[in-house]
Protein backbone atom coordinates (compact mmCIF):
# COMPACT_ATOMS: atom_id res chain seq x y z
CA MET A 1 0.00 0.00 0.00
CA ALA A 2 1.21 3.51 -0.66
CA ALA A 3 0.20 7.12 -0.28
CA GLY A 4 2.20 10.05 -1.51
CA ALA A 5 5.94 9.61 -1.06
CA HIS A 6 5.81 6.81 1.50
CA LYS A 7 5.29 3.05 1.24
CA VAL A 8 4.34 0.36 3.72
CA ASP A 9 5.61 -2.99 2.48
CA ILE A 10 4.58 -6.31 4.03
CA SER A 11 6.49 -9.46 3.10
CA TRP A 12 5.46 -12.91 4.25
CA ASP A 13 8.03 -15.48 5.33
CA ARG A 14 6.04 -18.73 5.45
CA ARG A 15 7.79 -21.34 7.57
CA PRO A 16 6.73 -24.83 8.73
CA ALA A 17 5.88 -23.38 12.16
CA GLY A 18 3.87 -20.46 10.75
CA VAL A 19 4.19 -17.03 9.17
CA VAL A 20 6.75 -14.34 9.99
CA ALA A 21 5.69 -10.95 8.64
CA HIS A 22 8.17 -8.18 7.86
CA VAL A 23 6.71 -4.67 7.80
CA VAL A 24 8.96 -2.00 6.30
CA PHE A 25 7.99 1.67 6.47
CA ASP A 26 9.63 3.57 3.64
CA ASN A 27 9.73 7.33 3.68
CA ALA A 28 13.52 7.17 3.63
CA ARG A 29 13.92 10.40 1.68
CA ARG A 30 12.63 12.19 4.80
CA LEU A 31 14.10 9.95 7.53
CA ASN A 32 10.87 7.92 7.61
CA VAL A 33 8.82 10.67 9.28
CA LEU A 34 5.15 10.00 9.96
CA ASN A 35 2.38 12.07 8.38
CA PRO A 36 -1.37 11.27 8.55
CA PRO A 37 -1.48 9.08 5.42
CA ALA A 38 1.53 7.09 6.64
CA LEU A 39 -0.03 6.65 10.08
CA LEU A 40 -3.24 5.39 8.52
CA ASP A 41 -1.40 2.96 6.24
CA LEU A 42 0.74 1.53 9.02
CA THR A 43 -2.27 1.12 11.30
CA GLU A 44 -4.17 -0.67 8.55
CA ALA A 45 -1.17 -2.95 7.97
CA PHE A 46 -1.25 -4.10 11.59
CA ARG A 47 -5.01 -4.60 11.44
CA LEU A 48 -4.52 -6.84 8.41
CA LEU A 49 -1.77 -8.78 10.15
CA ALA A 50 -3.98 -9.39 13.18
CA ARG A 51 -6.37 -11.37 10.97
CA GLU A 52 -3.67 -13.82 9.82
CA ASP A 53 -4.34 -17.03 11.77
CA ASP A 54 -0.89 -18.51 11.07
CA LEU A 55 1.00 -15.37 12.06
CA ARG A 56 3.76 -16.03 14.60
CA VAL A 57 5.95 -12.89 14.69
CA VAL A 58 6.06 -9.42 13.14
CA VAL A 59 9.31 -7.55 12.46
CA LEU A 60 8.88 -3.78 12.06
CA SER A 61 11.65 -1.69 10.51
CA GLY A 62 12.31 1.54 8.67
CA ALA A 63 13.79 1.65 5.18
CA GLY A 64 17.15 3.08 4.25
CA GLY A 65 19.18 2.47 7.42
CA ARG A 66 19.31 6.17 8.38
CA ALA A 67 16.26 6.06 10.63
CA PHE A 68 13.68 3.71 12.05
CA ILE A 69 11.19 6.56 12.29
CA GLY A 70 12.57 10.07 12.53
CA GLY A 71 9.50 11.43 14.29
CA ALA A 72 6.25 13.03 13.24
CA ASP A 73 6.13 15.24 10.15
CA ILE A 74 7.04 18.68 11.46
CA ASN A 75 5.75 20.34 8.29
CA HIS A 76 2.30 18.97 9.04
CA MET A 77 2.49 19.91 12.71
CA ALA A 78 3.71 23.45 12.02
CA ALA A 79 0.54 24.08 10.01
CA MET A 80 -1.77 23.06 12.86
CA ARG A 81 -3.63 25.92 14.55
CA GLU A 82 -6.74 24.56 16.30
CA ALA A 83 -6.87 22.21 19.27
CA GLU A 84 -8.88 19.73 17.22
CA ASP A 85 -6.11 19.66 14.60
CA GLY A 86 -3.67 18.59 17.29
CA ARG A 87 -6.12 16.11 18.80
CA ALA A 88 -6.81 14.48 15.43
CA PHE A 89 -3.13 14.12 14.54
CA ILE A 90 -1.89 12.78 17.86
CA THR A 91 -4.83 10.36 18.00
CA LEU A 92 -3.55 8.86 14.74
CA VAL A 93 -0.16 8.31 16.39
CA HIS A 94 -1.88 6.63 19.34
CA LYS A 95 -4.01 4.42 17.09
CA LEU A 96 -0.88 3.15 15.32
CA CYS A 97 0.80 2.37 18.63
CA GLN A 98 -2.36 0.69 19.91
CA SER A 99 -2.62 -1.44 16.77
CA ILE A 100 0.92 -2.69 17.47
CA ARG A 101 0.13 -3.41 21.10
CA ASP A 102 -3.09 -5.16 20.05
CA CYS A 103 -1.28 -7.36 17.53
CA PRO A 104 -1.89 -10.90 18.83
CA VAL A 105 1.73 -12.00 18.28
CA PRO A 106 5.07 -10.50 19.35
CA VAL A 107 6.29 -7.47 17.41
CA ILE A 108 10.06 -7.04 17.16
CA CYS A 109 11.32 -3.55 16.39
CA ARG A 110 14.49 -3.31 14.28
CA LEU A 111 16.14 0.02 15.09
CA GLU A 112 18.74 1.62 12.85
CA GLY A 113 19.82 5.25 12.66
CA TYR A 114 17.51 7.73 14.38
CA THR A 115 14.42 6.84 16.42
CA LEU A 116 12.87 10.12 17.51
CA GLY A 117 9.64 11.42 18.99
CA ALA A 118 6.68 9.53 17.58
CA GLY A 119 9.15 6.94 16.32
CA LEU A 120 10.26 6.20 19.86
CA GLU A 121 6.61 5.94 20.91
CA VAL A 122 6.08 3.36 18.15
CA ALA A 123 9.20 1.49 19.28
CA ALA A 124 7.97 1.52 22.89
CA ALA A 125 4.69 -0.02 21.72
CA CYS A 126 6.57 -3.02 20.31
CA ASP A 127 7.30 -6.08 22.43
CA MET A 128 11.06 -6.20 21.85
CA ARG A 129 13.59 -3.74 20.48
CA ILE A 130 16.87 -4.68 18.80
CA ALA A 131 19.17 -1.79 17.89
CA ALA A 132 22.25 -1.25 15.77
CA ASP A 133 25.22 0.06 17.72
CA ASP A 134 25.14 3.35 15.81
CA ALA A 135 21.46 4.03 16.59
CA HIS A 136 20.31 7.20 18.37
CA PHE A 137 17.16 7.86 20.39
CA GLY A 138 15.43 11.02 21.51
CA MET A 139 12.21 12.79 22.40
CA PRO A 140 12.69 16.31 20.99
CA GLU A 141 9.12 17.58 21.36
CA VAL A 142 9.64 20.23 24.06
CA LYS A 143 12.23 21.92 21.84
CA VAL A 144 9.60 22.45 19.14
CA GLY A 145 6.80 23.62 21.41
CA VAL A 146 4.76 20.54 22.35
CA PRO A 147 4.98 17.89 25.08
CA SER A 148 5.75 14.22 24.50
CA VAL A 149 2.44 12.35 24.82
CA VAL A 150 0.44 9.19 24.00
CA GLU A 151 2.70 6.13 24.16
CA ALA A 152 5.51 8.15 25.70
CA ALA A 153 3.57 7.08 28.80
CA LEU A 154 5.09 3.62 28.30
CA LEU A 155 8.61 4.92 28.88
CA PRO A 156 8.55 4.95 32.71
CA ARG A 157 7.71 1.23 32.60
CA LEU A 158 10.76 0.64 30.44
CA ILE A 159 13.38 2.98 31.85
CA GLY A 160 11.96 4.45 35.07
CA TRP A 161 10.73 7.92 35.92
CA GLY A 162 14.10 9.61 36.31
CA ARG A 163 15.41 8.55 32.93
CA THR A 164 12.07 9.33 31.31
CA SER A 165 12.26 12.81 32.83
CA TRP A 166 15.76 13.21 31.43
CA MET A 167 14.71 12.24 27.90
CA LEU A 168 11.47 14.24 27.84
CA LEU A 169 12.60 17.37 29.66
CA THR A 170 16.13 17.80 28.27
CA ALA A 171 15.19 16.50 24.78
CA GLU A 172 18.76 15.21 24.47
CA ASN A 173 19.48 12.22 22.26
CA ILE A 174 21.12 9.12 23.70
CA GLY A 175 23.19 6.50 21.92
CA ALA A 176 22.56 2.80 21.62
CA ALA A 177 24.85 1.79 24.49
CA LYS A 178 23.07 4.07 26.94
CA ALA A 179 19.67 2.98 25.57
CA GLU A 180 20.58 -0.63 26.34
CA ALA A 181 21.95 0.22 29.79
CA TRP A 182 18.73 2.10 30.58
CA GLY A 183 16.50 -0.75 29.36
CA LEU A 184 15.08 1.17 26.42
CA VAL A 185 16.25 -1.57 24.03
CA GLU A 186 16.76 -5.24 24.75
CA GLU A 187 19.84 -5.83 22.58
CA VAL A 188 22.47 -3.79 20.76
CA VAL A 189 24.52 -5.37 17.99
CA PRO A 190 26.93 -4.15 15.30
CA ALA A 191 24.94 -2.61 12.46
CA ALA A 192 26.15 -5.30 10.06
CA LYS A 193 24.76 -7.99 12.39
CA ILE A 194 21.30 -6.61 13.07
CA ALA A 195 19.47 -8.85 10.59
CA GLU A 196 21.13 -11.88 12.18
CA ALA A 197 20.14 -10.72 15.68
CA VAL A 198 16.53 -10.15 14.63
CA GLU A 199 16.37 -13.60 13.03
CA ARG A 200 17.75 -15.20 16.18
CA CYS A 201 14.96 -13.57 18.18
CA VAL A 202 12.37 -14.64 15.61
CA ARG A 203 13.56 -18.25 15.75
CA SER A 204 13.36 -18.29 19.55
CA ILE A 205 9.76 -17.06 19.48
CA VAL A 206 8.73 -19.48 16.74
CA GLU A 207 10.09 -22.37 18.84
CA GLY A 208 7.27 -21.65 21.31
CA THR A 209 3.86 -23.11 20.60
CA PRO A 210 1.49 -20.73 18.77
CA LEU A 211 -1.39 -20.59 21.24
CA ALA A 212 0.92 -20.30 24.23
CA VAL A 213 2.84 -17.36 22.73
CA ARG A 214 -0.40 -15.54 21.91
CA ALA A 215 -1.76 -16.29 25.39
CA GLN A 216 1.45 -14.98 26.96
CA LYS A 217 1.25 -11.67 25.11
CA ARG A 218 -2.42 -11.23 26.03
CA LEU A 219 -1.63 -11.97 29.65
CA MET A 220 1.25 -9.50 29.81
CA ARG A 221 -1.00 -6.78 28.40
CA ARG A 222 -3.52 -7.55 31.15
CA TRP A 223 -0.79 -7.43 33.81
CA GLU A 224 -0.22 -3.78 32.93
CA ARG A 225 -3.74 -2.88 34.07
CA LEU A 226 -4.21 -5.21 37.05
CA SER A 227 -3.22 -5.22 40.70
CA LEU A 228 -0.81 -7.96 41.75
CA ASP A 229 -3.59 -10.16 43.14
CA GLU A 230 -5.67 -9.69 39.98
CA ALA A 231 -2.65 -10.39 37.78
CA VAL A 232 -1.97 -13.67 39.60
CA GLN A 233 -5.60 -14.72 39.17
CA ALA A 234 -5.50 -13.78 35.48
CA GLY A 235 -2.48 -16.07 35.13
CA ILE A 236 -4.34 -18.95 36.80
CA ASP A 237 -7.20 -18.47 34.35
CA ALA A 238 -4.82 -18.31 31.38
CA PHE A 239 -3.05 -21.49 32.49
CA ALA A 240 -6.34 -23.33 32.88
CA GLN A 241 -7.42 -22.23 29.41
CA SER A 242 -4.14 -23.44 27.91
CA VAL A 243 -4.65 -26.88 29.45
CA SER A 244 -8.16 -26.93 27.98
CA ASP A 245 -6.72 -26.01 24.55
CA GLY A 246 -4.47 -29.08 24.75
CA GLU A 247 -1.52 -27.55 22.95
CA HIS A 248 0.79 -28.73 25.73
CA ILE A 249 0.14 -32.45 25.26
CA ALA A 250 2.42 -33.17 22.27
CA PRO A 251 5.52 -31.21 23.39
CA MET A 252 5.27 -32.34 27.01
CA THR A 253 4.76 -35.96 26.03
CA ALA A 254 7.76 -35.77 23.70
CA PHE A 255 9.85 -34.31 26.53
CA VAL A 256 8.81 -37.07 28.94
CA ASN A 257 9.57 -39.75 26.38
CA ARG A 258 13.02 -38.30 25.72
CA LYS A 259 13.76 -38.35 29.45
CA LYS A 260 12.72 -42.00 29.64
CA MET A 261 15.15 -42.90 26.85
CA THR A 262 18.17 -41.31 28.58
């Protein structure tokens, strides 16, 4: 699908264990910035993916290697004058992030070059983040007259309040090594090795059973909203449902039989 100068490409890697989808956002001429048509196209892509029964993993990346997503389109934002203009635009950013969080399977974010502003909010909405060692991250909004909002609210869960305050209030960029030390990304690898690192993560997820992986992601999303006691009970319910589904029988039986043979 395409609109204007950007493209959203979905490629399907069909494996014996299921489908791995690669989503590439391409507005590389402008550091992959997000404007309303791009936001709508990316959101629709994730809605389409959610309907794929055999889907196991999604890998989200930006084209060109210079940026994952370089932020929201400042040309569009500079033209906004009314509160409703701002509300409509930032709601599109939120809807994209929510579509990623609602994706029933894990979403791995491949981060190269710059990940800024709305791009960092999109990355935070993903389940796992793998970065090249030359990547840079920042939330520059306060320097251009607006606060960081919507899924920036996920950052304290990832890096804590103090580091979130540093990023949002100073608007300074940080490098990949600091991002990993802070917990903003899960792994940093040499830029030439990032495809290999992403594939290693994909393979690990695909080794899990399909229903269990989906159930785990649903449960973790519920944990975010529940008290500790409620979260424990939700886990008991999820475990009971998995036993009812019966997906555990074949792999557990195979494990027991292997133990008997040793």
